[in-house]
C-alpha atoms as a PDB file:
ATOM      1  CA  MET A   1      32.464   2.362 -20.363  1.00  0.00           C
ATOM      2  CA  ALA A   2      29.634   4.049 -18.425  1.00  0.00           C
ATOM      3  CA  ALA A   3      27.357   1.782 -16.391  1.00  0.00           C
ATOM      4  CA  ALA A   4      23.863   1.179 -17.762  1.00  0.00           C
ATOM      5  CA  PRO A   5      21.292   3.528 -16.203  1.00  0.00           C
ATOM      6  CA  LEU A   6      19.012   2.288 -13.436  1.00  0.00           C
ATOM      7  CA  ARG A   7      15.703   1.563 -15.219  1.00  0.00           C
ATOM      8  CA  VAL A   8      12.520   2.631 -13.412  1.00  0.00           C
ATOM      9  CA  LEU A   9       8.818   1.870 -13.999  1.00  0.00           C
ATOM     10  CA  CYS A  10       6.373   4.329 -12.402  1.00  0.00           C
ATOM     11  CA  VAL A  11       2.811   3.240 -11.496  1.00  0.00           C
ATOM     12  CA  ASP A  12       0.421   6.011 -10.421  1.00  0.00           C
ATOM     13  CA  ASP A  13      -2.963   7.167 -11.711  1.00  0.00           C
ATOM     14  CA  HIS A  14      -2.201  10.879 -11.247  1.00  0.00           C
ATOM     15  CA  PRO A  15      -0.686  12.374 -14.456  1.00  0.00           C
ATOM     16  CA  LEU A  16       0.852  15.284 -12.537  1.00  0.00           C
ATOM     17  CA  LEU A  17       2.767  12.955 -10.234  1.00  0.00           C
ATOM     18  CA  ARG A  18       3.927  10.801 -13.168  1.00  0.00           C
ATOM     19  CA  ASP A  19       5.176  13.949 -14.942  1.00  0.00           C
ATOM     20  CA  GLY A  20       6.974  15.081 -11.798  1.00  0.00           C
ATOM     21  CA  LEU A  21       8.683  11.704 -11.366  1.00  0.00           C
ATOM     22  CA  ALA A  22       9.640  11.659 -15.061  1.00  0.00           C
ATOM     23  CA  ALA A  23      11.293  15.080 -14.685  1.00  0.00           C
ATOM     24  CA  MET A  24      13.056  14.048 -11.462  1.00  0.00           C
ATOM     25  CA  LEU A  25      14.384  10.783 -12.902  1.00  0.00           C
ATOM     26  CA  GLY A  26      15.281  12.471 -16.212  1.00  0.00           C
ATOM     27  CA  SER A  27      17.563  14.872 -14.350  1.00  0.00           C
ATOM     28  CA  GLN A  28      19.658  11.974 -13.028  1.00  0.00           C
ATOM     29  CA  PRO A  29      22.476  10.731 -15.301  1.00  0.00           C
ATOM     30  CA  ASP A  30      22.320   7.244 -13.743  1.00  0.00           C
ATOM     31  CA  MET A  31      18.522   6.777 -14.045  1.00  0.00           C
ATOM     32  CA  GLN A  32      16.016   6.234 -16.825  1.00  0.00           C
ATOM     33  CA  LEU A  33      12.199   6.139 -16.714  1.00  0.00           C
ATOM     34  CA  VAL A  34      11.348   3.240 -19.032  1.00  0.00           C
ATOM     35  CA  ALA A  35       7.547   3.465 -18.756  1.00  0.00           C
ATOM     36  CA  SER A  36       4.606   4.844 -16.750  1.00  0.00           C
ATOM     37  CA  ALA A  37       1.373   3.028 -15.895  1.00  0.00           C
ATOM     38  CA  ALA A  38      -1.926   4.343 -14.518  1.00  0.00           C
ATOM     39  CA  THR A  39      -3.488   0.985 -13.519  1.00  0.00           C
ATOM     40  CA  GLY A  40      -2.432  -2.336 -12.021  1.00  0.00           C
ATOM     41  CA  ALA A  41      -3.163  -4.166 -15.286  1.00  0.00           C
ATOM     42  CA  GLU A  42      -0.968  -1.707 -17.226  1.00  0.00           C
ATOM     43  CA  ALA A  43       1.756  -2.109 -14.600  1.00  0.00           C
ATOM     44  CA  LEU A  44       1.879  -5.887 -15.104  1.00  0.00           C
ATOM     45  CA  ALA A  45       1.897  -5.569 -18.920  1.00  0.00           C
ATOM     46  CA  LEU A  46       4.652  -2.930 -18.864  1.00  0.00           C
ATOM     47  CA  TYR A  47       6.676  -4.885 -16.304  1.00  0.00           C
ATOM     48  CA  ARG A  48       6.599  -7.930 -18.605  1.00  0.00           C
ATOM     49  CA  LEU A  49       7.718  -5.742 -21.512  1.00  0.00           C
ATOM     50  CA  HIS A  50      10.520  -3.777 -19.828  1.00  0.00           C
ATOM     51  CA  GLN A  51      11.480  -5.791 -16.712  1.00  0.00           C
ATOM     52  CA  PRO A  52      12.744  -2.642 -14.946  1.00  0.00           C
ATOM     53  CA  ASP A  53      15.334  -2.563 -12.176  1.00  0.00           C
ATOM     54  CA  VAL A  54      12.980  -0.768  -9.750  1.00  0.00           C
ATOM     55  CA  THR A  55       9.209  -0.177  -9.856  1.00  0.00           C
ATOM     56  CA  LEU A  56       7.558   2.711  -7.985  1.00  0.00           C
ATOM     57  CA  MET A  57       4.010   1.639  -7.097  1.00  0.00           C
ATOM     58  CA  ASP A  58       1.202   3.773  -5.677  1.00  0.00           C
ATOM     59  CA  LEU A  59      -0.984   2.066  -3.093  1.00  0.00           C
ATOM     60  CA  ARG A  60      -4.300   3.145  -4.624  1.00  0.00           C
ATOM     61  CA  LEU A  61      -4.988   2.407  -8.289  1.00  0.00           C
ATOM     62  CA  PRO A  62      -8.306   2.544 -10.181  1.00  0.00           C
ATOM     63  CA  ASP A  63      -8.573  -1.196 -10.932  1.00  0.00           C
ATOM     64  CA  MET A  64      -6.852  -2.838  -7.938  1.00  0.00           C
ATOM     65  CA  SER A  65      -4.714  -1.935  -4.940  1.00  0.00           C
ATOM     66  CA  GLY A  66      -1.018  -1.376  -5.478  1.00  0.00           C
ATOM     67  CA  ILE A  67      -0.393  -4.349  -3.173  1.00  0.00           C
ATOM     68  CA  ASP A  68      -2.459  -6.624  -5.455  1.00  0.00           C
ATOM     69  CA  ALA A  69      -0.495  -5.311  -8.458  1.00  0.00           C
ATOM     70  CA  LEU A  70       2.756  -6.002  -6.558  1.00  0.00           C
ATOM     71  CA  ILE A  71       1.586  -9.572  -5.809  1.00  0.00           C
ATOM     72  CA  ALA A  72       0.649 -10.121  -9.481  1.00  0.00           C
ATOM     73  CA  ILE A  73       4.070  -8.931 -10.691  1.00  0.00           C
ATOM     74  CA  ARG A  74       5.990 -10.944  -8.090  1.00  0.00           C
ATOM     75  CA  ALA A  75       3.990 -14.081  -8.952  1.00  0.00           C
ATOM     76  CA  GLU A  76       5.704 -13.963 -12.360  1.00  0.00           C
ATOM     77  CA  PHE A  77       8.939 -12.178 -11.437  1.00  0.00           C
ATOM     78  CA  LYS A  78       9.928 -13.237  -7.917  1.00  0.00           C
ATOM     79  CA  ASP A  79      13.000 -10.966  -7.863  1.00  0.00           C
ATOM     80  CA  ALA A  80      11.044  -7.827  -8.817  1.00  0.00           C
ATOM     81  CA  ARG A  81      12.207  -4.834  -6.777  1.00  0.00           C
ATOM     82  CA  ILE A  82       9.037  -2.879  -6.050  1.00  0.00           C
ATOM     83  CA  VAL A  83       8.817   0.205  -3.843  1.00  0.00           C
ATOM     84  CA  MET A  84       5.498   1.554  -2.603  1.00  0.00           C
ATOM     85  CA  LEU A  85       5.542   5.298  -3.269  1.00  0.00           C
ATOM     86  CA  THR A  86       2.480   6.750  -1.619  1.00  0.00           C
ATOM     87  CA  THR A  87       1.025   9.078   0.966  1.00  0.00           C
ATOM     88  CA  PHE A  88       1.225   7.512   4.427  1.00  0.00           C
ATOM     89  CA  GLU A  89      -1.598   4.972   4.516  1.00  0.00           C
ATOM     90  CA  GLY A  90      -1.214   3.556   8.021  1.00  0.00           C
ATOM     91  CA  ASP A  91       0.681   0.695   9.634  1.00  0.00           C
ATOM     92  CA  VAL A  92      -1.595  -2.100   8.339  1.00  0.00           C
ATOM     93  CA  SER A  93      -1.027  -1.070   4.708  1.00  0.00           C
ATOM     94  CA  VAL A  94       2.741  -0.984   5.303  1.00  0.00           C
ATOM     95  CA  HIS A  95       2.647  -4.472   6.873  1.00  0.00           C
ATOM     96  CA  ARG A  96       0.643  -5.853   3.945  1.00  0.00           C
ATOM     97  CA  ALA A  97       3.012  -4.304   1.410  1.00  0.00           C
ATOM     98  CA  LEU A  98       6.143  -5.616   3.140  1.00  0.00           C
ATOM     99  CA  GLU A  99       4.616  -9.089   3.645  1.00  0.00           C
ATOM    100  CA  ALA A 100       3.764  -9.134  -0.073  1.00  0.00           C
ATOM    101  CA  GLY A 101       7.421  -8.494  -0.874  1.00  0.00           C
ATOM    102  CA  ALA A 102       7.781  -4.710  -1.247  1.00  0.00           C
ATOM    103  CA  ARG A 103      11.447  -3.683  -0.944  1.00  0.00           C
ATOM    104  CA  GLY A 104      10.648  -0.228   0.332  1.00  0.00           C
ATOM    105  CA  TYR A 105       7.928   2.192   1.374  1.00  0.00           C
ATOM    106  CA  LEU A 106       8.654   5.759   0.331  1.00  0.00           C
ATOM    107  CA  LEU A 107       6.432   8.792   0.903  1.00  0.00           C
ATOM    108  CA  LYS A 108       5.370  11.237  -1.817  1.00  0.00           C
ATOM    109  CA  SER A 109       6.019  14.047   0.681  1.00  0.00           C
ATOM    110  CA  MET A 110       9.753  13.228   0.867  1.00  0.00           C
ATOM    111  CA  PRO A 111      12.330  15.637  -0.615  1.00  0.00           C
ATOM    112  CA  PRO A 112      13.431  14.507  -4.132  1.00  0.00           C
ATOM    113  CA  GLY A 113      16.949  13.744  -2.905  1.00  0.00           C
ATOM    114  CA  GLU A 114      15.624  11.232  -0.355  1.00  0.00           C
ATOM    115  CA  LEU A 115      13.374   9.586  -2.943  1.00  0.00           C
ATOM    116  CA  LEU A 116      16.275   9.164  -5.365  1.00  0.00           C
ATOM    117  CA  GLU A 117      18.471   7.798  -2.561  1.00  0.00           C
ATOM    118  CA  GLY A 118      15.697   5.335  -1.670  1.00  0.00           C
ATOM    119  CA  ILE A 119      15.452   4.117  -5.281  1.00  0.00           C
ATOM    120  CA  ARG A 120      19.229   3.619  -5.427  1.00  0.00           C
ATOM    121  CA  ASP A 121      19.193   1.769  -2.081  1.00  0.00           C
ATOM    122  CA  VAL A 122      16.510  -0.668  -3.283  1.00  0.00           C
ATOM    123  CA  HIS A 123      18.374  -1.209  -6.550  1.00  0.00           C
ATOM    124  CA  ALA A 124      21.480  -2.042  -4.500  1.00  0.00           C
ATOM    125  CA  GLY A 125      19.521  -4.719  -2.611  1.00  0.00           C
ATOM    126  CA  ARG A 126      18.742  -2.758   0.546  1.00  0.00           C
ATOM    127  CA  LYS A 127      15.286  -2.123   2.015  1.00  0.00           C
ATOM    128  CA  ARG A 128      14.194   1.462   2.520  1.00  0.00           C
ATOM    129  CA  ILE A 129      11.515   2.512   5.021  1.00  0.00           C
ATOM    130  CA  PRO A 130      11.390   6.075   6.467  1.00  0.00           C
ATOM    131  CA  ARG A 131      11.922   6.497  10.198  1.00  0.00           C
ATOM    132  CA  GLU A 132       8.415   7.946  10.771  1.00  0.00           C
ATOM    133  CA  VAL A 133       6.865   4.880   9.116  1.00  0.00           C
ATOM    134  CA  MET A 134       9.008   2.526  11.242  1.00  0.00           C
ATOM    135  CA  THR A 135       7.955   4.419  14.393  1.00  0.00           C
ATOM    136  CA  HIS A 136       4.284   4.029  13.476  1.00  0.00           C
ATOM    137  CA  LEU A 137       4.799   0.316  12.782  1.00  0.00           C
ATOM    138  CA  ALA A 138       6.453  -0.156  16.173  1.00  0.00           C
ATOM    139  CA  GLU A 139       3.500   1.506  17.950  1.00  0.00           C
ATOM    140  CA  HIS A 140       1.167  -1.269  16.808  1.00  0.00           C
ATOM    141  CA  LEU A 141       3.581  -4.192  17.006  1.00  0.00           C
ATOM    142  CA  GLY A 142       1.811  -7.071  18.730  1.00  0.00           C
ATOM    143  CA  ASP A 143      -1.708  -5.699  18.113  1.00  0.00           C
ATOM    144  CA  GLU A 144      -4.132  -8.529  17.452  1.00  0.00           C
ATOM    145  CA  PRO A 145      -5.363  -8.227  13.837  1.00  0.00           C
ATOM    146  CA  LEU A 146      -9.052  -8.256  12.962  1.00  0.00           C
ATOM    147  CA  THR A 147     -10.355 -11.526  11.510  1.00  0.00           C
ATOM    148  CA  SER A 148     -11.778 -11.543   7.969  1.00  0.00           C
ATOM    149  CA  ARG A 149     -15.309 -11.674   9.412  1.00  0.00           C
ATOM    150  CA  GLU A 150     -14.587  -8.741  11.751  1.00  0.00           C
ATOM    151  CA  LEU A 151     -13.299  -6.775   8.750  1.00  0.00           C
ATOM    152  CA  GLU A 152     -16.539  -7.505   6.878  1.00  0.00           C
ATOM    153  CA  VAL A 153     -18.559  -6.276   9.861  1.00  0.00           C
ATOM    154  CA  LEU A 154     -16.401  -3.154  10.229  1.00  0.00           C
ATOM    155  CA  ARG A 155     -16.791  -2.273   6.515  1.00  0.00           C
ATOM    156  CA  LEU A 156     -20.574  -2.514   6.906  1.00  0.00           C
ATOM    157  CA  ILE A 157     -20.451  -0.381  10.074  1.00  0.00           C
ATOM    158  CA  ALA A 158     -18.509   2.194   8.026  1.00  0.00           C
ATOM    159  CA  LYS A 159     -21.400   2.203   5.528  1.00  0.00           C
ATOM    160  CA  GLY A 160     -23.760   3.119   8.378  1.00  0.00           C
ATOM    161  CA  GLN A 161     -25.459  -0.264   8.667  1.00  0.00           C
ATOM    162  CA  ARG A 162     -27.049  -1.311  11.977  1.00  0.00           C
ATOM    163  CA  ASN A 163     -26.478  -4.713  13.595  1.00  0.00           C
ATOM    164  CA  LYS A 164     -29.781  -5.982  12.173  1.00  0.00           C
ATOM    165  CA  ASP A 165     -28.775  -4.952   8.618  1.00  0.00           C
ATOM    166  CA  ILE A 166     -25.308  -6.485   9.047  1.00  0.00           C
ATOM    167  CA  ALA A 167     -26.815  -9.768  10.279  1.00  0.00           C
ATOM    168  CA  GLU A 168     -29.077  -9.974   7.222  1.00  0.00           C
ATOM    169  CA  HIS A 169     -26.254  -9.038   4.847  1.00  0.00           C
ATOM    170  CA  LEU A 170     -23.854 -11.665   6.232  1.00  0.00           C
ATOM    171  CA  PHE A 171     -26.518 -14.334   6.952  1.00  0.00           C
ATOM    172  CA  ILE A 172     -25.600 -14.523  10.627  1.00  0.00           C
ATOM    173  CA  SER A 173     -27.569 -13.807  13.818  1.00  0.00           C
ATOM    174  CA  GLU A 174     -27.753 -10.360  15.360  1.00  0.00           C
ATOM    175  CA  GLU A 175     -26.173 -11.814  18.537  1.00  0.00           C
ATOM    176  CA  THR A 176     -23.169 -12.967  16.496  1.00  0.00           C
ATOM    177  CA  VAL A 177     -22.847  -9.481  15.014  1.00  0.00           C
ATOM    178  CA  LYS A 178     -22.824  -8.017  18.544  1.00  0.00           C
ATOM    179  CA  VAL A 179     -19.965 -10.366  19.512  1.00  0.00           C
ATOM    180  CA  HIS A 180     -17.975  -9.313  16.429  1.00  0.00           C
ATOM    181  CA  VAL A 181     -18.601  -5.617  17.187  1.00  0.00           C
ATOM    182  CA  LYS A 182     -17.412  -6.143  20.782  1.00  0.00           C
ATOM    183  CA  HIS A 183     -14.179  -7.782  19.553  1.00  0.00           C
ATOM    184  CA  ILE A 184     -13.616  -5.005  16.998  1.00  0.00           C
ATOM    185  CA  MET A 185     -13.951  -2.354  19.716  1.00  0.00           C
ATOM    186  CA  GLU A 186     -11.541  -4.207  22.015  1.00  0.00           C
ATOM    187  CA  LYS A 187      -8.902  -4.759  19.335  1.00  0.00           C
ATOM    188  CA  LEU A 188      -9.016  -1.171  18.084  1.00  0.00           C
ATOM    189  CA  GLY A 189      -9.356   0.399  21.528  1.00  0.00           C
ATOM    190  CA  ALA A 190     -12.527   2.174  20.388  1.00  0.00           C
ATOM    191  CA  THR A 191     -15.435   3.261  22.569  1.00  0.00           C
ATOM    192  CA  GLY A 192     -18.038   3.388  19.790  1.00  0.00           C
ATOM    193  CA  ARG A 193     -18.784   2.514  16.183  1.00  0.00           C
ATOM    194  CA  THR A 194     -17.847   5.926  14.785  1.00  0.00           C
ATOM    195  CA  GLN A 195     -14.537   5.914  16.653  1.00  0.00           C
ATOM    196  CA  ALA A 196     -13.781   2.381  15.417  1.00  0.00           C
ATOM    197  CA  VAL A 197     -14.111   3.579  11.813  1.00  0.00           C
ATOM    198  CA  ALA A 198     -12.126   6.745  12.608  1.00  0.00           C
ATOM    199  CA  ILE A 199      -9.260   4.562  13.947  1.00  0.00           C
ATOM    200  CA  ALA A 200      -9.418   1.908  11.220  1.00  0.00           C
ATOM    201  CA  VAL A 201      -9.314   4.155   8.140  1.00  0.00           C
ATOM    202  CA  PRO A 202      -6.053   6.064   8.858  1.00  0.00           C
ATOM    203  CA  ARG A 203      -4.345   2.808   9.851  1.00  0.00           C
ATOM    204  CA  GLY A 204      -5.257   1.260   6.496  1.00  0.00           C
ATOM    205  CA  ILE A 205      -7.399  -1.483   8.072  1.00  0.00           C
ATOM    206  CA  ILE A 206     -10.355  -0.541   5.845  1.00  0.00           C
ATOM    207  CA  GLN A 207     -10.864   1.938   3.014  1.00  0.00           C
ATOM    208  CA  LEU A 208     -13.955   4.084   2.610  1.00  0.00           C
END
């Protein structure tokens, strides 16, 4: 008797990508796309309904981040095998996804054969992270992370706010803001506010 097909749930808000994945999975005799979701809320509802073998999750969704959707699913289904399938979002996003329990981190730019191999690996209980992602992770291993307050300050810097505006927004003194800005620069290796934002966004530390 033939083995049951590997059942996949796809979560992405781009219809074209969902159609492409459906066609790719449909061409595989050992795989079946059981459902597609465009939001994190849909992903959780469809996961409950189908309980797929592997879920492909985009990092950016309209209602929440893919990592938050992953956390919500794993809160109910601790053995859920979820793979982030995304464009490369930087080492911090990868760390967050893996810490939240992602079993893999695959790139949309990968050849179809590698994607399918990655899905099969995760289904078999192995983790799958591309070499270029691992290299990028290793580059920043040991970097001191920004504190939650420093992240707040950096997000406001990214919005073009001055120290005085930031101080008023966060109900702290302007001197305290200056200390936070100094620490942000040191941790990111930036020489100015614009460069700090330019470093933080590709690494996934903040989103614009």
